[in-house]
Amino acid sequence: MRIVRSEVPSPEFSRFLYTAVGGDVSWTDRLPWTYARWQEFLGQPGVETWVAYHRGTPAGFIELQGQDAGAVEIVYFGLLPAFRGRGIGGHLLSEGTARAWDLARRWPDRSTTSRVWVHTCDQDGPHALANYERRGFRRFDTRTEDEPALPTPGPWPDAGPVE
């Protein structure tokens, strides 16, 4: 497996990763984004997409966003369904977290990283929280919120592996 930074902002590629990874876990917030909105977000200083490739095929990604006061958010992280359960996620999260801590080296206008954080929820994979905790993350806040039921998004209707 290789983990490579996608250095050229590409709305098409980022949308592909977002829908392919998030299609079966209800990622819906970016579905209405226009091409221009994707371009605006990806073009911000301190926004990075790191992609895990398994035998030349994108297996997952981690998206970082440098924020004020040295904070870096792991905005999105996940694997395409066919690559889950193979140990790739732990490796990608470890590498992505390390890249969050050294983000200021690649973006001299950003402050040195003092905090790396992530949101997770019970719709994420069953091993997500434990994966974060094994890499040194700790719970900062816990909330219960209701979300509207939405149709399953994805790169196409009924996306996902056949069982």
C-alpha atoms as a PDB file:
ATOM      1  CA  MET A   1       0.000   0.000   0.000  1.00  0.00           C
ATOM      2  CA  ARG A   2       1.126   3.535  -0.766  1.00  0.00           C
ATOM      3  CA  ILE A   3      -0.220   6.755   0.732  1.00  0.00           C
ATOM      4  CA  VAL A   4       0.200   9.756  -1.540  1.00  0.00           C
ATOM      5  CA  ARG A   5      -0.789  13.392  -1.211  1.00  0.00           C
ATOM      6  CA  SER A   6      -3.091  14.529  -4.000  1.00  0.00           C
ATOM      7  CA  GLU A   7      -1.216  17.781  -4.650  1.00  0.00           C
ATOM      8  CA  VAL A   8      -3.386  19.123  -7.478  1.00  0.00           C
ATOM      9  CA  PRO A   9      -6.836  20.115  -6.176  1.00  0.00           C
ATOM     10  CA  SER A  10      -9.333  18.072  -8.208  1.00  0.00           C
ATOM     11  CA  PRO A  11     -13.051  18.459  -7.491  1.00  0.00           C
ATOM     12  CA  GLU A  12     -13.805  15.395  -9.634  1.00  0.00           C
ATOM     13  CA  PHE A  13     -11.384  13.145  -7.745  1.00  0.00           C
ATOM     14  CA  SER A  14     -12.361  14.478  -4.324  1.00  0.00           C
ATOM     15  CA  ARG A  15     -16.062  14.004  -5.056  1.00  0.00           C
ATOM     16  CA  PHE A  16     -15.319  10.464  -6.252  1.00  0.00           C
ATOM     17  CA  LEU A  17     -13.512   9.670  -2.983  1.00  0.00           C
ATOM     18  CA  TYR A  18     -16.250  11.295  -0.894  1.00  0.00           C
ATOM     19  CA  THR A  19     -19.104   9.371  -2.557  1.00  0.00           C
ATOM     20  CA  ALA A  20     -17.236   6.077  -2.877  1.00  0.00           C
ATOM     21  CA  VAL A  21     -16.199   6.040   0.788  1.00  0.00           C
ATOM     22  CA  GLY A  22     -19.256   7.704   2.287  1.00  0.00           C
ATOM     23  CA  GLY A  23     -22.019   6.234   0.145  1.00  0.00           C
ATOM     24  CA  ASP A  24     -22.934   3.460   2.540  1.00  0.00           C
ATOM     25  CA  VAL A  25     -22.360   5.434   5.763  1.00  0.00           C
ATOM     26  CA  SER A  26     -24.677   8.375   5.000  1.00  0.00           C
ATOM     27  CA  TRP A  27     -22.202  11.102   4.081  1.00  0.00           C
ATOM     28  CA  THR A  28     -24.567  13.637   2.549  1.00  0.00           C
ATOM     29  CA  ASP A  29     -23.399  17.137   3.499  1.00  0.00           C
ATOM     30  CA  ARG A  30     -21.280  17.638   0.367  1.00  0.00           C
ATOM     31  CA  LEU A  31     -23.640  16.079  -2.160  1.00  0.00           C
ATOM     32  CA  PRO A  32     -25.162  19.470  -3.075  1.00  0.00           C
ATOM     33  CA  TRP A  33     -21.743  21.114  -3.533  1.00  0.00           C
ATOM     34  CA  THR A  34     -21.143  22.620  -6.942  1.00  0.00           C
ATOM     35  CA  TYR A  35     -17.899  22.211  -8.830  1.00  0.00           C
ATOM     36  CA  ALA A  36     -16.989  25.778  -7.817  1.00  0.00           C
ATOM     37  CA  ARG A  37     -17.634  25.002  -4.126  1.00  0.00           C
ATOM     38  CA  TRP A  38     -15.377  21.927  -4.292  1.00  0.00           C
ATOM     39  CA  GLN A  39     -12.709  24.006  -6.020  1.00  0.00           C
ATOM     40  CA  GLU A  40     -12.975  26.770  -3.401  1.00  0.00           C
ATOM     41  CA  PHE A  41     -12.641  24.331  -0.505  1.00  0.00           C
ATOM     42  CA  LEU A  42      -9.784  22.305  -1.997  1.00  0.00           C
ATOM     43  CA  GLY A  43      -7.887  25.444  -2.951  1.00  0.00           C
ATOM     44  CA  GLN A  44      -7.660  26.776   0.610  1.00  0.00           C
ATOM     45  CA  PRO A  45      -4.136  26.900   2.057  1.00  0.00           C
ATOM     46  CA  GLY A  46      -3.768  24.004   4.489  1.00  0.00           C
ATOM     47  CA  VAL A  47      -6.369  21.702   2.902  1.00  0.00           C
ATOM     48  CA  GLU A  48      -4.817  18.389   1.911  1.00  0.00           C
ATOM     49  CA  THR A  49      -6.097  15.072   0.611  1.00  0.00           C
ATOM     50  CA  TRP A  50      -3.969  11.967   1.217  1.00  0.00           C
ATOM     51  CA  VAL A  51      -4.987   8.849  -0.693  1.00  0.00           C
ATOM     52  CA  ALA A  52      -4.216   5.215   0.136  1.00  0.00           C
ATOM     53  CA  TYR A  53      -3.601   3.056  -2.935  1.00  0.00           C
ATOM     54  CA  HIS A  54      -3.668  -0.725  -2.821  1.00  0.00           C
ATOM     55  CA  ARG A  55      -2.061  -2.275  -5.914  1.00  0.00           C
ATOM     56  CA  GLY A  56      -2.668   0.961  -7.844  1.00  0.00           C
ATOM     57  CA  THR A  57      -6.330   1.313  -6.864  1.00  0.00           C
ATOM     58  CA  PRO A  58      -7.623   4.063  -4.549  1.00  0.00           C
ATOM     59  CA  ALA A  59      -8.549   2.307  -1.297  1.00  0.00           C
ATOM     60  CA  GLY A  60      -9.391   5.292   0.915  1.00  0.00           C
ATOM     61  CA  PHE A  61      -8.488   8.813   1.862  1.00  0.00           C
ATOM     62  CA  ILE A  62      -7.947  11.259   4.677  1.00  0.00           C
ATOM     63  CA  GLU A  63      -8.696  14.948   4.243  1.00  0.00           C
ATOM     64  CA  LEU A  64      -6.993  17.539   6.456  1.00  0.00           C
ATOM     65  CA  GLN A  65      -7.878  21.184   7.001  1.00  0.00           C
ATOM     66  CA  GLY A  66      -5.500  23.563   8.746  1.00  0.00           C
ATOM     67  CA  GLN A  67      -7.442  25.958  10.948  1.00  0.00           C
ATOM     68  CA  ASP A  68      -6.734  28.940  13.185  1.00  0.00           C
ATOM     69  CA  ALA A  69      -4.452  28.740  16.221  1.00  0.00           C
ATOM     70  CA  GLY A  70      -2.581  25.659  15.018  1.00  0.00           C
ATOM     71  CA  ALA A  71      -5.569  23.311  14.897  1.00  0.00           C
ATOM     72  CA  VAL A  72      -5.843  20.727  12.117  1.00  0.00           C
ATOM     73  CA  GLU A  73      -9.117  18.908  11.581  1.00  0.00           C
ATOM     74  CA  ILE A  74      -9.352  15.482  10.019  1.00  0.00           C
ATOM     75  CA  VAL A  75     -12.386  16.494   8.008  1.00  0.00           C
ATOM     76  CA  TYR A  76     -12.961  13.129   6.336  1.00  0.00           C
ATOM     77  CA  PHE A  77     -11.349   9.727   6.673  1.00  0.00           C
ATOM     78  CA  GLY A  78     -12.436   6.347   5.396  1.00  0.00           C
ATOM     79  CA  LEU A  79     -12.026   3.411   3.070  1.00  0.00           C
ATOM     80  CA  LEU A  80     -13.968   2.228   0.061  1.00  0.00           C
ATOM     81  CA  PRO A  81     -16.145  -0.712   1.149  1.00  0.00           C
ATOM     82  CA  ALA A  82     -14.069  -3.329  -0.704  1.00  0.00           C
ATOM     83  CA  PHE A  83     -10.966  -2.363   1.316  1.00  0.00           C
ATOM     84  CA  ARG A  84     -12.428  -2.349   4.821  1.00  0.00           C
ATOM     85  CA  GLY A  85     -11.356  -4.997   7.321  1.00  0.00           C
ATOM     86  CA  ARG A  86      -7.860  -5.439   5.858  1.00  0.00           C
ATOM     87  CA  GLY A  87      -5.885  -3.288   8.315  1.00  0.00           C
ATOM     88  CA  ILE A  88      -5.535  -0.450   5.823  1.00  0.00           C
ATOM     89  CA  GLY A  89      -7.553   2.019   7.901  1.00  0.00           C
ATOM     90  CA  GLY A  90      -5.190   1.955  10.874  1.00  0.00           C
ATOM     91  CA  HIS A  91      -2.190   2.565   8.669  1.00  0.00           C
ATOM     92  CA  LEU A  92      -3.932   5.386   6.753  1.00  0.00           C
ATOM     93  CA  LEU A  93      -5.102   7.044   9.974  1.00  0.00           C
ATOM     94  CA  SER A  94      -1.610   6.854  11.503  1.00  0.00           C
ATOM     95  CA  GLU A  95      -0.022   8.366   8.403  1.00  0.00           C
ATOM     96  CA  GLY A  96      -2.744  11.009   8.046  1.00  0.00           C
ATOM     97  CA  THR A  97      -2.411  12.007  11.694  1.00  0.00           C
ATOM     98  CA  ALA A  98       1.361  12.352  11.269  1.00  0.00           C
ATOM     99  CA  ARG A  99       0.747  14.555   8.209  1.00  0.00           C
ATOM    100  CA  ALA A 100      -1.652  16.687  10.274  1.00  0.00           C
ATOM    101  CA  TRP A 101       1.069  17.234  12.887  1.00  0.00           C
ATOM    102  CA  ASP A 102       3.589  18.345  10.250  1.00  0.00           C
ATOM    103  CA  LEU A 103       1.156  20.296   8.043  1.00  0.00           C
ATOM    104  CA  ALA A 104       2.884  23.639   8.762  1.00  0.00           C
ATOM    105  CA  ARG A 105       6.050  22.354   7.060  1.00  0.00           C
ATOM    106  CA  ARG A 106       4.157  22.241   3.762  1.00  0.00           C
ATOM    107  CA  TRP A 107       2.166  25.448   4.405  1.00  0.00           C
ATOM    108  CA  PRO A 108       4.546  28.078   5.857  1.00  0.00           C
ATOM    109  CA  ASP A 109       1.675  30.547   6.376  1.00  0.00           C
ATOM    110  CA  ARG A 110       0.016  28.103   8.824  1.00  0.00           C
ATOM    111  CA  SER A 111       0.828  27.984  12.521  1.00  0.00           C
ATOM    112  CA  THR A 112       2.677  24.983  13.916  1.00  0.00           C
ATOM    113  CA  THR A 113       0.135  22.297  14.691  1.00  0.00           C
ATOM    114  CA  SER A 114      -0.869  22.286  18.345  1.00  0.00           C
ATOM    115  CA  ARG A 115      -4.042  20.182  18.097  1.00  0.00           C
ATOM    116  CA  VAL A 116      -5.384  17.518  15.717  1.00  0.00           C
ATOM    117  CA  TRP A 117      -9.063  16.714  16.021  1.00  0.00           C
ATOM    118  CA  VAL A 118     -11.843  14.755  14.333  1.00  0.00           C
ATOM    119  CA  HIS A 119     -15.625  14.368  14.567  1.00  0.00           C
ATOM    120  CA  THR A 120     -17.010  10.851  14.548  1.00  0.00           C
ATOM    121  CA  CYS A 121     -20.493   9.448  14.991  1.00  0.00           C
ATOM    122  CA  ASP A 122     -22.293   6.171  15.406  1.00  0.00           C
ATOM    123  CA  GLN A 123     -22.898   6.016  11.642  1.00  0.00           C
ATOM    124  CA  ASP A 124     -19.159   5.603  11.077  1.00  0.00           C
ATOM    125  CA  GLY A 125     -17.773   2.083  10.876  1.00  0.00           C
ATOM    126  CA  PRO A 126     -18.002  -0.080  13.991  1.00  0.00           C
ATOM    127  CA  HIS A 127     -14.243   0.166  14.575  1.00  0.00           C
ATOM    128  CA  ALA A 128     -13.851   3.923  13.951  1.00  0.00           C
ATOM    129  CA  LEU A 129     -13.779   5.138  17.560  1.00  0.00           C
ATOM    130  CA  ALA A 130     -11.380   2.416  18.703  1.00  0.00           C
ATOM    131  CA  ASN A 131      -9.136   3.186  15.710  1.00  0.00           C
ATOM    132  CA  TYR A 132      -8.961   6.873  16.724  1.00  0.00           C
ATOM    133  CA  GLU A 133      -8.329   6.012  20.367  1.00  0.00           C
ATOM    134  CA  ARG A 134      -5.502   3.574  19.470  1.00  0.00           C
ATOM    135  CA  ARG A 135      -3.796   6.477  17.695  1.00  0.00           C
ATOM    136  CA  GLY A 136      -3.946   8.762  20.730  1.00  0.00           C
ATOM    137  CA  PHE A 137      -7.217  10.588  20.178  1.00  0.00           C
ATOM    138  CA  ARG A 138      -9.427  11.042  23.223  1.00  0.00           C
ATOM    139  CA  ARG A 139     -13.035  12.066  23.587  1.00  0.00           C
ATOM    140  CA  PHE A 140     -13.489  15.764  24.029  1.00  0.00           C
ATOM    141  CA  ASP A 141     -17.267  16.039  23.824  1.00  0.00           C
ATOM    142  CA  THR A 142     -20.209  13.693  23.313  1.00  0.00           C
ATOM    143  CA  ARG A 143     -23.572  14.816  21.946  1.00  0.00           C
ATOM    144  CA  THR A 144     -26.803  13.195  20.878  1.00  0.00           C
ATOM    145  CA  GLU A 145     -28.428  14.707  17.818  1.00  0.00           C
ATOM    146  CA  ASP A 146     -31.224  13.581  15.521  1.00  0.00           C
ATOM    147  CA  GLU A 147     -30.548  13.586  11.813  1.00  0.00           C
ATOM    148  CA  PRO A 148     -33.179  13.298   9.113  1.00  0.00           C
ATOM    149  CA  ALA A 149     -33.367   9.976   7.317  1.00  0.00           C
ATOM    150  CA  LEU A 150     -31.964  10.357   3.828  1.00  0.00           C
ATOM    151  CA  PRO A 151     -31.669   7.959   0.921  1.00  0.00           C
ATOM    152  CA  THR A 152     -28.327   6.184   0.772  1.00  0.00           C
ATOM    153  CA  PRO A 153     -25.962   8.359  -1.265  1.00  0.00           C
ATOM    154  CA  GLY A 154     -23.187   7.028  -3.395  1.00  0.00           C
ATOM    155  CA  PRO A 155     -21.564   7.273  -6.768  1.00  0.00           C
ATOM    156  CA  TRP A 156     -24.624   5.532  -8.240  1.00  0.00           C
ATOM    157  CA  PRO A 157     -27.914   4.118  -6.884  1.00  0.00           C
ATOM    158  CA  ASP A 158     -27.489   1.038  -4.704  1.00  0.00           C
ATOM    159  CA  ALA A 159     -23.698   1.430  -4.653  1.00  0.00           C
ATOM    160  CA  GLY A 160     -21.769  -1.054  -2.625  1.00  0.00           C
ATOM    161  CA  PRO A 161     -20.481  -4.593  -2.830  1.00  0.00           C
ATOM    162  CA  VAL A 162     -22.954  -7.359  -3.558  1.00  0.00           C
ATOM    163  CA  GLU A 163     -23.319  -9.665  -0.592  1.00  0.00           C
END
